[in-house]
Amino acid sequence: IRRKSRSVVAFGACAHLGGVPGLANQLGMERVCDVVGADRERAVAAEPGQPKVPGIADRVRTLDQVIPVDHVLPGCPPTPSAFGAALLSLLAPQTGPTEAVFALDIALCDECPRKATRRPDAAIAEIRRIQWTAVRADECLLNQGILCLGPGTRSGCGAACINANMPCTGCFGPTSGARDHGAKLISATAAAIGGDDEDAIRAALSGLTDPVGSFYRYSLPNSLLRGRMA
């Protein structure tokens, strides 16, 4: 694909950051295969004369860890509007450099329809699971103790999840200033919890049952942790 293409676009969170499948890197592929009962070394032929299925790689990689990538269209999935804008940009006569990432380089909170209700001085007393919470549709989700990752996630999705009364899970990835998306999300969440009372902080974090799955849901293979897992 790289040899045949003038431009390669990493389409979606899996190509861009590793995606949800990248969480398997916590275990390593040998352990994953043990869990699901797969034979890692077996190559399966669909039928006689057909090409064999490739073996399972040692870890999940992002596309730019395999081949050079020119552009990124983030999201899980990319929104129709972002896809359309990217396609028009790529097809237009080039008078200058094309965007490296086809999304706004600002935090999602900047386009959130609830941003006027955010109270930066209101510390989260408890992280609540949304399925057990009566969520108010007209108030910032962080104010309500719902883990929303908008403060550390790139904008450009039109706040689709927020408009459906669901929190941002970070699928558009980090802004250009963040070296590690998960670390940025941890920092933003810590700031929202605030305070210096250790017991209060522990109480707030008690509802966070899966830190890696929450903060690195899409970006573990792209993170600074990728060489330290498994």
Protein backbone atom coordinates (compact mmCIF):
# COMPACT_ATOMS: atom_id res chain seq x y z
CA ILE A 1 0.00 0.00 0.00
CA ARG A 2 2.79 2.43 0.89
CA ARG A 3 4.62 1.83 -2.41
CA LYS A 4 1.45 2.32 -4.45
CA SER A 5 0.14 5.41 -2.67
CA ARG A 6 0.92 9.09 -2.94
CA SER A 7 -0.64 9.63 0.49
CA VAL A 8 -1.50 7.16 3.25
CA VAL A 9 -4.18 8.14 5.77
CA ALA A 10 -4.53 6.34 9.09
CA PHE A 11 -8.32 5.95 9.13
CA GLY A 12 -9.87 5.74 12.59
CA ALA A 13 -8.62 5.14 16.11
CA CYS A 14 -7.29 1.61 15.47
CA ALA A 15 -4.97 2.72 12.66
CA HIS A 16 -4.14 5.99 14.41
CA LEU A 17 -3.55 4.89 18.01
CA GLY A 18 -4.00 1.11 18.16
CA GLY A 19 -7.62 1.24 19.27
CA VAL A 20 -9.46 -1.02 21.69
CA PRO A 21 -7.66 -4.14 20.33
CA GLY A 22 -4.44 -2.53 21.58
CA LEU A 23 -5.47 -3.22 25.16
CA ALA A 24 -4.31 -6.78 24.45
CA ASN A 25 -0.77 -5.44 24.76
CA GLN A 26 -1.23 -5.53 28.53
CA LEU A 27 -1.03 -9.32 28.38
CA GLY A 28 1.10 -10.12 25.37
CA MET A 29 -0.10 -12.29 22.53
CA GLU A 30 0.93 -15.59 24.09
CA ARG A 31 -1.30 -14.90 27.08
CA VAL A 32 -4.12 -13.58 24.89
CA CYS A 33 -4.02 -16.77 22.86
CA ASP A 34 -4.09 -18.82 26.06
CA VAL A 35 -7.16 -16.93 27.23
CA VAL A 36 -9.13 -17.36 23.99
CA GLY A 37 -7.84 -20.84 23.24
CA ALA A 38 -6.12 -19.90 19.97
CA ASP A 39 -3.13 -21.64 18.44
CA ARG A 40 -0.74 -18.82 17.74
CA GLU A 41 1.48 -20.79 15.36
CA ARG A 42 -1.26 -22.39 13.31
CA ALA A 43 -1.83 -21.02 9.81
CA VAL A 44 -5.37 -21.78 8.66
CA ALA A 45 -6.19 -22.29 4.99
CA ALA A 46 -9.75 -21.28 4.04
CA GLU A 47 -9.81 -24.05 1.42
CA PRO A 48 -7.27 -25.94 -0.68
CA GLY A 49 -5.30 -23.62 -2.91
CA GLN A 50 -6.20 -20.46 -0.98
CA PRO A 51 -3.60 -18.24 0.74
CA LYS A 52 -2.91 -19.03 4.37
CA VAL A 53 -4.00 -16.65 7.11
CA PRO A 54 -0.99 -14.79 8.60
CA GLY A 55 0.06 -15.64 12.12
CA ILE A 56 -0.74 -13.38 15.06
CA ALA A 57 1.82 -10.63 15.67
CA ASP A 58 3.57 -10.24 19.00
CA ARG A 59 1.71 -7.02 19.80
CA VAL A 60 -0.83 -4.60 18.37
CA ARG A 61 0.83 -1.78 16.46
CA THR A 62 -0.34 1.53 15.12
CA LEU A 63 -0.16 2.01 11.37
CA ASP A 64 2.73 4.46 11.62
CA GLN A 65 4.71 1.85 13.55
CA VAL A 66 4.55 -0.31 10.41
CA ILE A 67 4.77 2.15 7.49
CA PRO A 68 5.20 5.93 7.15
CA VAL A 69 1.82 7.70 7.43
CA ASP A 70 1.07 11.08 5.87
CA HIS A 71 -2.23 12.00 7.49
CA VAL A 72 -4.57 10.89 10.27
CA LEU A 73 -8.36 10.86 10.30
CA PRO A 74 -9.16 10.13 13.95
CA GLY A 75 -12.29 8.75 15.60
CA CYS A 76 -14.08 5.53 16.43
CA PRO A 77 -15.39 5.81 13.82
CA PRO A 78 -14.40 9.03 12.02
CA THR A 79 -17.47 11.22 11.66
CA PRO A 80 -19.01 11.74 8.20
CA SER A 81 -18.25 15.45 8.34
CA ALA A 82 -14.58 14.83 9.23
CA PHE A 83 -14.31 12.22 6.48
CA GLY A 84 -15.83 14.60 3.92
CA ALA A 85 -13.54 17.45 4.92
CA ALA A 86 -10.49 15.18 4.74
CA LEU A 87 -11.43 13.85 1.33
CA LEU A 88 -11.98 17.34 -0.08
CA SER A 89 -8.66 18.48 1.37
CA LEU A 90 -6.80 15.56 -0.21
CA LEU A 91 -8.45 16.03 -3.60
CA ALA A 92 -8.00 19.80 -3.75
CA PRO A 93 -5.05 21.29 -5.64
CA GLN A 94 -2.28 21.67 -3.10
CA THR A 95 -1.08 25.21 -2.53
CA GLY A 96 0.51 24.39 0.80
CA PRO A 97 0.94 21.52 3.25
CA THR A 98 -2.12 19.39 3.95
CA GLU A 99 -3.16 18.90 7.57
CA ALA A 100 -1.37 16.07 9.32
CA VAL A 101 -4.50 15.35 11.41
CA PHE A 102 -7.92 16.02 9.98
CA ALA A 103 -9.45 17.38 13.18
CA LEU A 104 -9.28 20.53 15.26
CA ASP A 105 -6.20 20.90 17.44
CA ILE A 106 -8.17 22.00 20.51
CA ALA A 107 -9.75 20.09 23.37
CA LEU A 108 -13.24 18.69 22.92
CA CYS A 109 -14.45 20.84 25.82
CA ASP A 110 -14.08 23.86 23.52
CA GLU A 111 -16.93 22.63 21.32
CA CYS A 112 -18.94 20.88 24.03
CA PRO A 113 -22.52 22.20 24.20
CA ARG A 114 -22.32 21.98 28.02
CA LYS A 115 -19.10 23.93 28.50
CA ALA A 116 -20.92 26.93 29.98
CA THR A 117 -22.04 24.72 32.90
CA ARG A 118 -18.54 23.44 33.76
CA ARG A 119 -17.46 24.52 37.24
CA PRO A 120 -13.63 24.30 37.30
CA ASP A 121 -13.62 24.90 41.04
CA ALA A 122 -16.07 22.05 41.73
CA ALA A 123 -13.96 19.02 42.69
CA ILE A 124 -15.29 15.57 41.83
CA ALA A 125 -16.18 13.79 45.06
CA GLU A 126 -16.86 10.43 43.39
CA ILE A 127 -16.38 8.93 39.94
CA ARG A 128 -19.71 7.37 39.04
CA ARG A 129 -20.51 4.76 36.44
CA ILE A 130 -22.96 6.25 34.00
CA GLN A 131 -25.24 3.19 33.91
CA TRP A 132 -25.94 3.67 37.62
CA THR A 133 -26.40 7.44 37.49
CA ALA A 134 -29.38 9.62 36.66
CA VAL A 135 -27.50 11.90 34.25
CA ARG A 136 -28.70 15.47 33.85
CA ALA A 137 -28.72 16.34 30.15
CA ASP A 138 -28.05 20.05 30.61
CA GLU A 139 -24.97 19.94 32.85
CA CYS A 140 -21.29 19.14 32.40
CA LEU A 141 -20.75 15.42 32.91
CA LEU A 142 -17.60 15.96 34.97
CA ASN A 143 -19.61 18.08 37.38
CA GLN A 144 -21.82 15.02 37.87
CA GLY A 145 -18.89 12.70 38.58
CA ILE A 146 -19.04 10.99 35.18
CA LEU A 147 -15.57 10.27 33.77
CA CYS A 148 -15.62 12.42 30.63
CA LEU A 149 -12.32 12.67 28.77
CA GLY A 150 -13.12 15.80 26.79
CA PRO A 151 -10.53 17.97 28.58
CA GLY A 152 -7.68 15.85 27.17
CA THR A 153 -9.12 14.76 23.82
CA ARG A 154 -8.91 16.40 20.40
CA SER A 155 -12.01 18.16 19.12
CA GLY A 156 -13.65 17.66 15.73
CA CYS A 157 -16.32 15.02 16.34
CA GLY A 158 -19.10 17.55 16.91
CA ALA A 159 -19.41 16.29 20.51
CA ALA A 160 -21.52 13.41 19.23
CA CYS A 161 -21.35 11.35 22.42
CA ILE A 162 -22.07 14.36 24.64
CA ASN A 163 -25.11 15.19 22.52
CA ALA A 164 -26.32 11.64 23.17
CA ASN A 165 -25.85 12.20 26.94
CA MET A 166 -22.78 9.96 27.03
CA PRO A 167 -19.25 10.93 28.12
CA CYS A 168 -16.31 11.35 25.78
CA THR A 169 -14.13 8.21 25.81
CA GLY A 170 -11.20 9.77 23.94
CA CYS A 171 -11.45 8.20 20.47
CA PHE A 172 -10.18 11.31 18.62
CA GLY A 173 -6.87 11.04 20.45
CA PRO A 174 -4.69 13.77 21.89
CA THR A 175 -4.01 17.28 20.71
CA SER A 176 -0.59 17.96 19.23
CA GLY A 177 0.83 19.18 22.55
CA ALA A 178 0.37 15.86 24.36
CA ARG A 179 3.15 13.25 24.23
CA ASP A 180 0.99 10.50 25.74
CA HIS A 181 -2.79 10.62 25.50
CA GLY A 182 -3.46 8.45 28.53
CA ALA A 183 -1.11 10.51 30.70
CA LYS A 184 -2.86 13.67 29.53
CA LEU A 185 -6.24 12.19 30.47
CA ILE A 186 -4.96 11.12 33.89
CA SER A 187 -3.66 14.64 34.48
CA ALA A 188 -6.96 16.23 33.45
CA THR A 189 -8.94 13.86 35.68
CA ALA A 190 -6.62 14.51 38.63
CA ALA A 191 -7.16 18.24 38.17
CA ALA A 192 -10.93 17.71 38.17
CA ILE A 193 -10.73 15.72 41.43
CA GLY A 194 -8.51 18.35 43.04
CA GLY A 195 -7.71 18.74 46.71
CA ASP A 196 -4.89 17.26 48.78
CA ASP A 197 -6.84 15.07 51.18
CA GLU A 198 -5.62 11.55 50.47
CA ASP A 199 -8.73 9.85 51.84
CA ALA A 200 -11.01 12.07 49.74
CA ILE A 201 -8.95 11.38 46.62
CA ARG A 202 -9.06 7.61 47.27
CA ALA A 203 -12.83 7.81 47.76
CA ALA A 204 -13.23 9.69 44.47
CA LEU A 205 -11.09 7.16 42.60
CA SER A 206 -12.84 4.12 44.06
CA GLY A 207 -15.33 4.20 41.20
CA LEU A 208 -12.52 3.93 38.62
CA THR A 209 -12.52 0.17 38.14
CA ASP A 210 -10.33 -0.07 35.03
CA PRO A 211 -7.72 2.72 34.83
CA VAL A 212 -5.90 1.37 31.76
CA GLY A 213 -9.13 0.64 29.93
CA SER A 214 -10.43 4.09 30.81
CA PHE A 215 -7.41 6.27 30.06
CA TYR A 216 -5.70 4.14 27.39
CA ARG A 217 -8.81 2.69 25.79
CA TYR A 218 -7.70 3.65 22.30
CA SER A 219 -4.06 4.63 22.66
CA LEU A 220 -2.05 2.00 24.54
CA PRO A 221 0.05 0.89 21.52
CA ASN A 222 0.81 4.56 20.79
CA SER A 223 1.69 5.44 24.39
CA LEU A 224 4.95 5.82 26.24
CA LEU A 225 3.98 2.59 28.05
CA ARG A 226 4.09 0.46 24.91
CA GLY A 227 7.60 -0.82 25.56
CA ARG A 228 6.80 -1.67 29.18
CA MET A 229 3.70 -3.82 28.78
CA ALA A 230 3.75 -7.62 28.96
